[in-house]
């Protein structure tokens, strides 16, 4: 019977990891795939490798937090681990149905907290520290994006904007005795370097996804001593990789509604900021939503770009032209870059909308409702089903 339950637990972990792979791969590699810098198969392969690297290194800290700090490890029986993983998977399913970026880490903390409340073993100090970081990190992401958008983005756009040429990036030069790689027709050295940088940053984002998300799939099993941490990281990576090679092929296309709606440079900036926040918190052992950091950085970047028409005094007074929206990040940079406060609303009107304000409200609402609902349902389940272990 134990082996049957363990098999069910592993299958539940694979289901969670599979869905994580589908959503996280789209966020990390959607811009690169959309820009035809890399194909979906190569993106999935790189995603799998760097997820493993992130989970094997920094991700161990998050596994320790979810698997033994919020509640004692002895609470995670096989049955309890299956129920916790079920609620994590259920949260992901509901979010996917409503088209909201999945906050797996927050849902996982909610499900485990429900277990702790039902057994009276919840460490409120650890949970409180996690929640505080959840409130601080989106603010940090917003303001990092806002500062870059307001003060630096036009100059970065002028100096580093990625201009893509027609045709392949690389070709084989057959003029010599042996063929050797060379830049493709029309490819400039700047384009080649920029392309490599974009791919490296996508790898960094995949690393941060592994650091934060592998734990969500396997922490209950590792915490209960059902599998070792090395086996857990491997299992989580395989499951995420399976999702990356399958359902992520569609999410890498559909993510165009988020990151790929941005110029590639702006998407790259967002990826760096969001990945750095997530990796740092994972190093501290804090389960963090990569989607939350990403969305709030996009909002901050667009807001900062839109407010370049106003001086700091105008912003304090609230004197910002209402006709300018945060879609200004898509506006083309002028030949002569005006200083802050000198741009006009016409200069900042973008060619397409960066994000829908109602969508952001929906995202934030689900980030609050999701973990709360997971906590409540988990609490009810463990009160009705006395299957948890004892301290």
Protein backbone atom coordinates (compact mmCIF):
# COMPACT_ATOMS: atom_id res chain seq x y z
CA UNK A 1 0.00 0.00 0.00
CA UNK A 2 2.86 2.36 0.81
CA UNK A 3 4.34 1.87 -2.65
CA UNK A 4 0.93 2.63 -4.21
CA UNK A 5 0.65 5.89 -2.31
CA UNK A 6 4.26 6.78 -3.12
CA UNK A 7 3.53 6.20 -6.80
CA UNK A 8 0.50 8.47 -6.54
CA UNK A 9 2.65 11.10 -4.82
CA UNK A 10 5.26 10.96 -7.57
CA UNK A 11 2.53 11.19 -10.22
CA UNK A 12 1.07 14.22 -8.45
CA UNK A 13 4.51 15.87 -8.36
CA UNK A 14 4.99 15.14 -12.06
CA UNK A 15 1.58 16.70 -12.82
CA UNK A 16 2.52 19.88 -10.94
CA UNK A 17 5.97 20.04 -12.55
CA UNK A 18 4.51 19.39 -15.99
CA UNK A 19 2.22 22.43 -15.65
CA UNK A 20 5.06 24.53 -14.25
CA UNK A 21 7.12 23.67 -17.32
CA UNK A 22 4.28 24.70 -19.58
CA UNK A 23 3.85 28.13 -18.01
CA UNK A 24 7.43 29.04 -17.01
CA UNK A 25 8.95 28.12 -20.37
CA UNK A 26 6.59 30.50 -22.13
CA UNK A 27 7.60 33.37 -19.84
CA UNK A 28 11.32 32.66 -20.12
CA UNK A 29 11.57 31.87 -23.83
CA UNK A 30 8.50 33.48 -25.39
CA UNK A 31 10.33 36.68 -26.45
CA UNK A 32 13.26 34.80 -28.00
CA UNK A 33 11.02 32.33 -29.83
CA UNK A 34 8.67 35.10 -30.95
CA UNK A 35 11.60 37.03 -32.36
CA UNK A 36 12.78 33.87 -34.18
CA UNK A 37 16.10 33.95 -32.35
CA UNK A 38 15.73 30.33 -31.28
CA UNK A 39 13.31 27.52 -32.12
CA UNK A 40 10.97 25.88 -29.62
CA UNK A 41 12.88 22.60 -29.35
CA UNK A 42 16.17 24.33 -28.54
CA UNK A 43 14.37 26.61 -26.08
CA UNK A 44 12.85 23.60 -24.30
CA UNK A 45 16.25 21.88 -24.10
CA UNK A 46 17.94 24.96 -22.63
CA UNK A 47 15.01 25.47 -20.27
CA UNK A 48 15.36 21.94 -18.92
CA UNK A 49 19.11 22.21 -18.37
CA UNK A 50 19.00 25.57 -16.58
CA UNK A 51 15.96 24.57 -14.50
CA UNK A 52 18.02 21.63 -13.25
CA UNK A 53 20.96 23.93 -12.54
CA UNK A 54 18.76 26.39 -10.62
CA UNK A 55 17.00 23.65 -8.68
CA UNK A 56 20.22 21.81 -7.82
CA UNK A 57 21.93 24.95 -6.46
CA UNK A 58 19.75 27.80 -5.19
CA UNK A 59 16.52 25.79 -5.30
CA UNK A 60 17.60 23.59 -2.37
CA UNK A 61 16.94 26.53 -0.05
CA UNK A 62 13.34 26.86 -1.23
CA UNK A 63 12.80 23.09 -0.89
CA UNK A 64 14.01 23.33 2.72
CA UNK A 65 11.55 26.16 3.44
CA UNK A 66 8.52 24.46 1.88
CA UNK A 67 9.46 21.00 3.07
CA UNK A 68 10.33 21.65 6.70
CA UNK A 69 10.32 25.29 7.84
CA UNK A 70 6.67 26.30 7.41
CA UNK A 71 5.55 23.06 9.08
CA UNK A 72 7.66 20.26 10.65
CA UNK A 73 8.87 17.60 8.23
CA UNK A 74 7.13 14.86 10.20
CA UNK A 75 3.74 16.32 9.25
CA UNK A 76 4.28 15.26 5.61
CA UNK A 77 3.01 11.71 5.45
CA UNK A 78 2.54 10.17 2.02
CA UNK A 79 -1.19 10.90 2.14
CA UNK A 80 -0.68 14.48 3.32
CA UNK A 81 1.89 15.12 0.60
CA UNK A 82 -0.53 13.89 -2.07
CA UNK A 83 -3.29 16.19 -0.79
CA UNK A 84 -0.95 19.21 -0.70
CA UNK A 85 0.24 18.52 -4.25
CA UNK A 86 -3.39 18.12 -5.33
CA UNK A 87 -4.24 21.62 -4.10
CA UNK A 88 -1.14 23.07 -5.78
CA UNK A 89 -2.19 21.46 -9.05
CA UNK A 90 -5.78 22.62 -8.57
CA UNK A 91 -4.62 26.21 -8.09
CA UNK A 92 -2.62 26.04 -11.31
CA UNK A 93 -5.59 24.58 -13.17
CA UNK A 94 -7.96 27.35 -12.04
CA UNK A 95 -5.43 30.05 -12.93
CA UNK A 96 -4.88 28.52 -16.37
CA UNK A 97 -8.64 28.40 -17.00
CA UNK A 98 -8.89 32.13 -16.32
CA UNK A 99 -5.73 32.91 -18.30
CA UNK A 100 -3.83 34.32 -15.33
CA UNK A 101 -0.04 33.86 -14.94
CA UNK A 102 0.31 31.00 -12.48
CA UNK A 103 1.68 31.83 -9.03
CA UNK A 104 2.69 28.30 -8.13
CA UNK A 105 4.94 29.30 -5.23
CA UNK A 106 2.20 31.28 -3.53
CA UNK A 107 -0.31 28.46 -4.04
CA UNK A 108 2.18 25.95 -2.60
CA UNK A 109 2.71 28.07 0.50
CA UNK A 110 -1.06 28.37 0.90
CA UNK A 111 -1.64 24.63 0.67
CA UNK A 112 1.14 23.86 3.15
CA UNK A 113 -0.09 26.60 5.51
CA UNK A 114 -3.54 25.00 5.51
CA UNK A 115 -1.91 21.75 6.61
CA UNK A 116 -0.08 23.61 9.37
CA UNK A 117 -3.21 25.37 10.61
CA UNK A 118 -5.21 22.14 10.71
CA UNK A 119 -2.51 20.39 12.77
CA UNK A 120 -1.56 23.38 14.90
CA UNK A 121 2.02 23.18 13.61
CA UNK A 122 2.21 26.28 11.41
CA UNK A 123 5.31 28.41 12.05
CA UNK A 124 3.81 31.91 11.89
CA UNK A 125 7.21 33.60 12.00
CA UNK A 126 8.38 31.80 8.85
CA UNK A 127 5.04 32.40 7.09
CA UNK A 128 5.07 36.07 8.10
CA UNK A 129 8.56 36.53 6.66
CA UNK A 130 7.46 34.98 3.37
CA UNK A 131 4.35 37.19 3.13
CA UNK A 132 6.39 40.32 3.84
CA UNK A 133 8.70 39.47 0.94
CA UNK A 134 5.63 38.87 -1.25
CA UNK A 135 4.55 42.44 -0.55
CA UNK A 136 7.98 43.98 -0.95
CA UNK A 137 9.19 42.21 -4.10
CA UNK A 138 6.50 43.45 -6.53
CA UNK A 139 7.11 46.98 -5.27
CA UNK A 140 10.83 46.54 -5.90
CA UNK A 141 10.11 45.16 -9.38
CA UNK A 142 7.79 48.05 -10.18
CA UNK A 143 10.24 50.73 -9.09
CA UNK A 144 13.25 49.10 -10.72
CA UNK A 145 11.27 49.02 -13.97
CA UNK A 146 10.03 52.57 -13.42
CA UNK A 147 13.53 54.00 -12.86
CA UNK A 148 14.87 52.26 -15.98
CA UNK A 149 11.86 53.34 -18.04
CA UNK A 150 11.93 56.96 -16.92
CA UNK A 151 15.64 57.72 -16.87
CA UNK A 152 17.52 55.13 -18.93
CA UNK A 153 15.30 53.34 -21.44
CA UNK A 154 15.48 55.88 -24.32
CA UNK A 155 19.28 55.86 -24.13
CA UNK A 156 19.43 52.06 -23.94
CA UNK A 157 17.01 51.88 -26.86
CA UNK A 158 19.22 54.18 -28.91
CA UNK A 159 22.43 52.31 -28.09
CA UNK A 160 21.31 48.69 -27.75
CA UNK A 161 18.03 48.34 -29.66
CA UNK A 162 18.05 44.96 -31.37
CA UNK A 163 17.58 45.34 -35.09
CA UNK A 164 16.98 42.02 -36.80
CA UNK A 165 17.96 41.41 -40.39
CA UNK A 166 16.26 39.12 -42.84
CA UNK A 167 17.63 35.63 -43.28
CA UNK A 168 19.69 33.41 -40.98
CA UNK A 169 21.84 34.84 -38.22
CA UNK A 170 24.77 32.56 -39.10
CA UNK A 171 25.88 30.87 -42.30
CA UNK A 172 28.78 28.69 -43.42
CA UNK A 173 31.66 30.36 -45.23
CA UNK A 174 32.84 27.83 -47.84
CA UNK A 175 35.48 29.99 -49.49
CA UNK A 176 38.34 28.35 -47.60
CA UNK A 177 39.59 24.80 -47.49
CA UNK A 178 37.21 24.05 -44.61
CA UNK A 179 33.76 25.56 -44.08
CA UNK A 180 33.61 27.88 -41.09
CA UNK A 181 30.77 29.75 -39.41
CA UNK A 182 30.22 33.35 -40.47
CA UNK A 183 27.58 36.03 -40.03
CA UNK A 184 24.56 35.54 -42.24
CA UNK A 185 23.62 37.87 -45.10
CA UNK A 186 22.77 41.27 -43.65
CA UNK A 187 23.71 40.26 -40.10
CA UNK A 188 25.75 42.90 -38.29
CA UNK A 189 28.18 42.18 -35.44
CA UNK A 190 25.88 44.20 -33.19
CA UNK A 191 22.92 41.99 -34.06
CA UNK A 192 24.96 38.84 -33.43
CA UNK A 193 26.15 40.05 -30.02
CA UNK A 194 22.66 41.25 -29.07
CA UNK A 195 21.18 37.89 -30.02
CA UNK A 196 23.67 36.02 -27.84
CA UNK A 197 22.90 38.36 -24.93
CA UNK A 198 19.15 37.77 -25.30
CA UNK A 199 19.64 33.99 -25.25
CA UNK A 200 21.92 34.19 -22.21
CA UNK A 201 19.35 36.27 -20.35
CA UNK A 202 16.63 33.75 -21.23
CA UNK A 203 18.90 31.05 -19.77
CA UNK A 204 19.23 33.18 -16.63
CA UNK A 205 15.45 33.41 -16.40
CA UNK A 206 15.20 29.62 -16.80
CA UNK A 207 17.72 29.28 -13.96
CA UNK A 208 15.59 31.51 -11.73
CA UNK A 209 12.49 29.50 -12.65
CA UNK A 210 14.26 26.32 -11.56
CA UNK A 211 15.46 27.95 -8.36
CA UNK A 212 11.95 28.96 -7.36
CA UNK A 213 9.66 26.36 -8.97
CA UNK A 214 11.29 22.93 -8.62
CA UNK A 215 10.47 23.07 -4.92
CA UNK A 216 6.77 23.57 -5.64
CA UNK A 217 6.56 20.16 -7.30
CA UNK A 218 8.62 18.07 -4.90
CA UNK A 219 8.97 19.82 -1.51
CA UNK A 220 6.18 17.82 0.21
CA UNK A 221 7.76 14.53 -0.88
CA UNK A 222 11.26 15.64 0.13
CA UNK A 223 10.03 17.15 3.39
CA UNK A 224 8.36 13.91 4.40
CA UNK A 225 11.51 11.92 3.65
CA UNK A 226 9.73 10.03 0.88
CA UNK A 227 12.49 10.89 -1.61
CA UNK A 228 15.91 12.52 -1.19
CA UNK A 229 16.57 16.10 -2.21
CA UNK A 230 18.75 15.08 -5.18
CA UNK A 231 16.07 12.70 -6.40
CA UNK A 232 13.49 15.43 -5.84
CA UNK A 233 15.38 17.98 -7.94
CA UNK A 234 15.82 15.40 -10.69
CA UNK A 235 12.14 14.44 -10.60
CA UNK A 236 11.05 18.08 -10.67
CA UNK A 237 13.38 18.85 -13.55
CA UNK A 238 12.15 15.89 -15.62
CA UNK A 239 8.53 16.93 -15.05
CA UNK A 240 9.20 20.59 -15.91
CA UNK A 241 11.21 19.51 -18.96
CA UNK A 242 8.33 17.33 -20.11
CA UNK A 243 6.06 20.35 -19.94
CA UNK A 244 8.64 22.48 -21.75
CA UNK A 245 8.81 20.08 -24.69
CA UNK A 246 5.02 19.64 -24.96
CA UNK A 247 2.42 22.13 -23.74
CA UNK A 248 4.96 24.97 -23.57
CA UNK A 249 5.10 25.01 -27.35
CA UNK A 250 1.71 26.70 -27.25
CA UNK A 251 2.47 28.97 -24.30
CA UNK A 252 5.60 30.22 -26.05
CA UNK A 253 3.26 31.47 -28.78
CA UNK A 254 0.49 32.80 -26.55
CA UNK A 255 2.87 34.63 -24.21
CA UNK A 256 2.95 37.28 -26.93
CA UNK A 257 0.09 38.87 -25.01
CA UNK A 258 2.58 39.67 -22.25
CA UNK A 259 6.33 39.92 -22.87
CA UNK A 260 6.45 39.65 -26.64
CA UNK A 261 4.13 42.63 -26.97
CA UNK A 262 7.18 44.60 -25.84
CA UNK A 263 10.15 45.48 -27.98
CA UNK A 264 12.81 42.82 -27.52
CA UNK A 265 15.05 45.21 -25.58
CA UNK A 266 12.24 46.03 -23.14
CA UNK A 267 11.44 42.33 -22.70
CA UNK A 268 15.11 41.68 -21.99
CA UNK A 269 15.19 44.39 -19.32
CA UNK A 270 12.08 42.92 -17.70
CA UNK A 271 13.60 39.43 -17.70
CA UNK A 272 16.80 40.62 -16.02
CA UNK A 273 14.99 42.48 -13.24
CA UNK A 274 12.36 39.79 -12.58
CA UNK A 275 14.90 36.95 -12.65
CA UNK A 276 17.26 38.78 -10.30
CA UNK A 277 14.48 39.36 -7.76
CA UNK A 278 13.35 35.74 -7.95
CA UNK A 279 16.87 34.29 -7.76
CA UNK A 280 17.80 36.48 -4.79
CA UNK A 281 14.70 35.46 -2.85
CA UNK A 282 15.24 31.80 -3.74
CA UNK A 283 18.76 32.10 -2.35
CA UNK A 284 17.15 33.33 0.89
CA UNK A 285 14.81 30.33 0.77
CA UNK A 286 11.71 32.44 0.03
CA UNK A 287 9.20 30.85 -2.39
CA UNK A 288 8.53 33.58 -4.96
CA UNK A 289 6.34 33.90 -8.03
CA UNK A 290 8.35 34.66 -11.18
CA UNK A 291 5.11 35.72 -12.89
CA UNK A 292 4.39 38.32 -10.18
CA UNK A 293 7.85 39.89 -10.50
CA UNK A 294 7.61 39.87 -14.29
CA UNK A 295 4.19 41.52 -14.56
CA UNK A 296 4.97 44.24 -12.00
CA UNK A 297 8.28 45.02 -13.70
CA UNK A 298 6.46 45.41 -17.03
CA UNK A 299 4.00 47.80 -15.41
CA UNK A 300 6.81 49.80 -13.81
CA UNK A 301 8.82 49.99 -17.02
CA UNK A 302 5.83 51.25 -18.99
CA UNK A 303 4.83 53.73 -16.30
CA UNK A 304 8.36 55.10 -16.09
CA UNK A 305 8.53 55.56 -19.86
CA UNK A 306 5.13 57.27 -19.91
CA UNK A 307 6.06 59.75 -17.18
CA UNK A 308 9.10 61.16 -19.01
CA UNK A 309 6.89 64.05 -20.14
CA UNK A 310 6.55 65.17 -16.51
CA UNK A 311 9.10 66.53 -14.06
CA UNK A 312 9.42 65.13 -10.55
CA UNK A 313 7.41 68.11 -9.27
CA UNK A 314 4.62 67.37 -11.75
CA UNK A 315 4.47 63.75 -10.57
CA UNK A 316 4.20 64.81 -6.94
CA UNK A 317 1.35 67.15 -7.84
CA UNK A 318 -0.30 64.54 -10.04
CA UNK A 319 0.04 66.70 -13.18
CA UNK A 320 0.38 63.93 -15.78
CA UNK A 321 -1.45 64.09 -19.09
CA UNK A 322 -4.22 61.48 -18.91
CA UNK A 323 -3.90 60.75 -22.63
CA UNK A 324 -0.56 59.07 -22.04
CA UNK A 325 -0.72 55.43 -21.00
CA UNK A 326 1.97 52.99 -20.07
CA UNK A 327 1.97 51.62 -23.60
CA UNK A 328 4.48 54.40 -24.25
CA UNK A 329 7.28 51.86 -23.92
CA UNK A 330 6.54 50.84 -27.51
CA UNK A 331 7.06 54.39 -28.81
CA UNK A 332 10.01 54.89 -31.10
CA UNK A 333 12.96 56.79 -29.73
CA UNK A 334 13.46 60.20 -31.35
CA UNK A 335 16.67 61.21 -33.07
CA UNK A 336 17.41 63.67 -30.28
CA UNK A 337 16.38 62.30 -26.90
CA UNK A 338 14.60 65.03 -24.89
CA UNK A 339 15.37 65.35 -21.23
CA UNK A 340 12.87 64.26 -18.59
CA UNK A 341 10.00 66.76 -18.53
CA UNK A 342 10.55 67.93 -22.11
CA UNK A 343 8.83 65.14 -24.04
CA UNK A 344 5.28 65.68 -25.27
CA UNK A 345 2.33 63.30 -25.05
CA UNK A 346 2.62 62.78 -28.81
CA UNK A 347 6.22 61.60 -28.38
CA UNK A 348 5.13 59.00 -25.87
CA UNK A 349 2.10 57.49 -27.58
CA UNK A 350 2.90 53.86 -28.30
CA UNK A 351 1.80 51.96 -31.36
CA UNK A 352 0.14 49.22 -29.32
CA UNK A 353 -1.07 48.74 -25.77
CA UNK A 354 1.45 47.38 -23.28
CA UNK A 355 -1.12 45.91 -20.95
CA UNK A 356 -4.78 46.08 -20.08
CA UNK A 357 -5.35 47.74 -16.70
CA UNK A 358 -8.26 45.43 -15.95
CA UNK A 359 -5.98 42.45 -16.67
CA UNK A 360 -3.47 43.68 -14.08
CA UNK A 361 -6.27 43.96 -11.52
CA UNK A 362 -7.30 40.41 -12.38
CA UNK A 363 -3.73 39.17 -11.96
CA UNK A 364 -3.30 40.84 -8.56
CA UNK A 365 -6.70 39.58 -7.43
CA UNK A 366 -5.75 36.00 -8.26
CA UNK A 367 -2.41 36.40 -6.49
CA UNK A 368 -4.43 37.21 -3.36
CA UNK A 369 -7.35 34.85 -3.89
CA UNK A 370 -5.27 31.85 -5.06
CA UNK A 371 -3.10 31.33 -1.95
CA UNK A 372 -6.01 32.25 0.33
CA UNK A 373 -8.30 29.70 -1.31
CA UNK A 374 -5.57 27.04 -1.25
CA UNK A 375 -5.08 27.68 2.47
CA UNK A 376 -8.79 27.43 3.27
CA UNK A 377 -9.41 24.29 1.21
CA UNK A 378 -6.29 22.62 2.54
CA UNK A 379 -7.28 23.46 6.11
CA UNK A 380 -10.77 21.99 5.64
CA UNK A 381 -9.37 18.87 4.00
CA UNK A 382 -6.88 18.16 6.78
CA UNK A 383 -9.46 18.84 9.50
CA UNK A 384 -11.83 16.33 7.89
CA UNK A 385 -9.09 13.86 6.96
CA UNK A 386 -6.69 13.16 9.88
CA UNK A 387 -3.94 11.89 7.60
CA UNK A 388 -1.12 14.24 8.64
CA UNK A 389 1.78 13.03 10.73
CA UNK A 390 2.64 14.12 14.25
CA UNK A 391 5.53 16.35 15.33
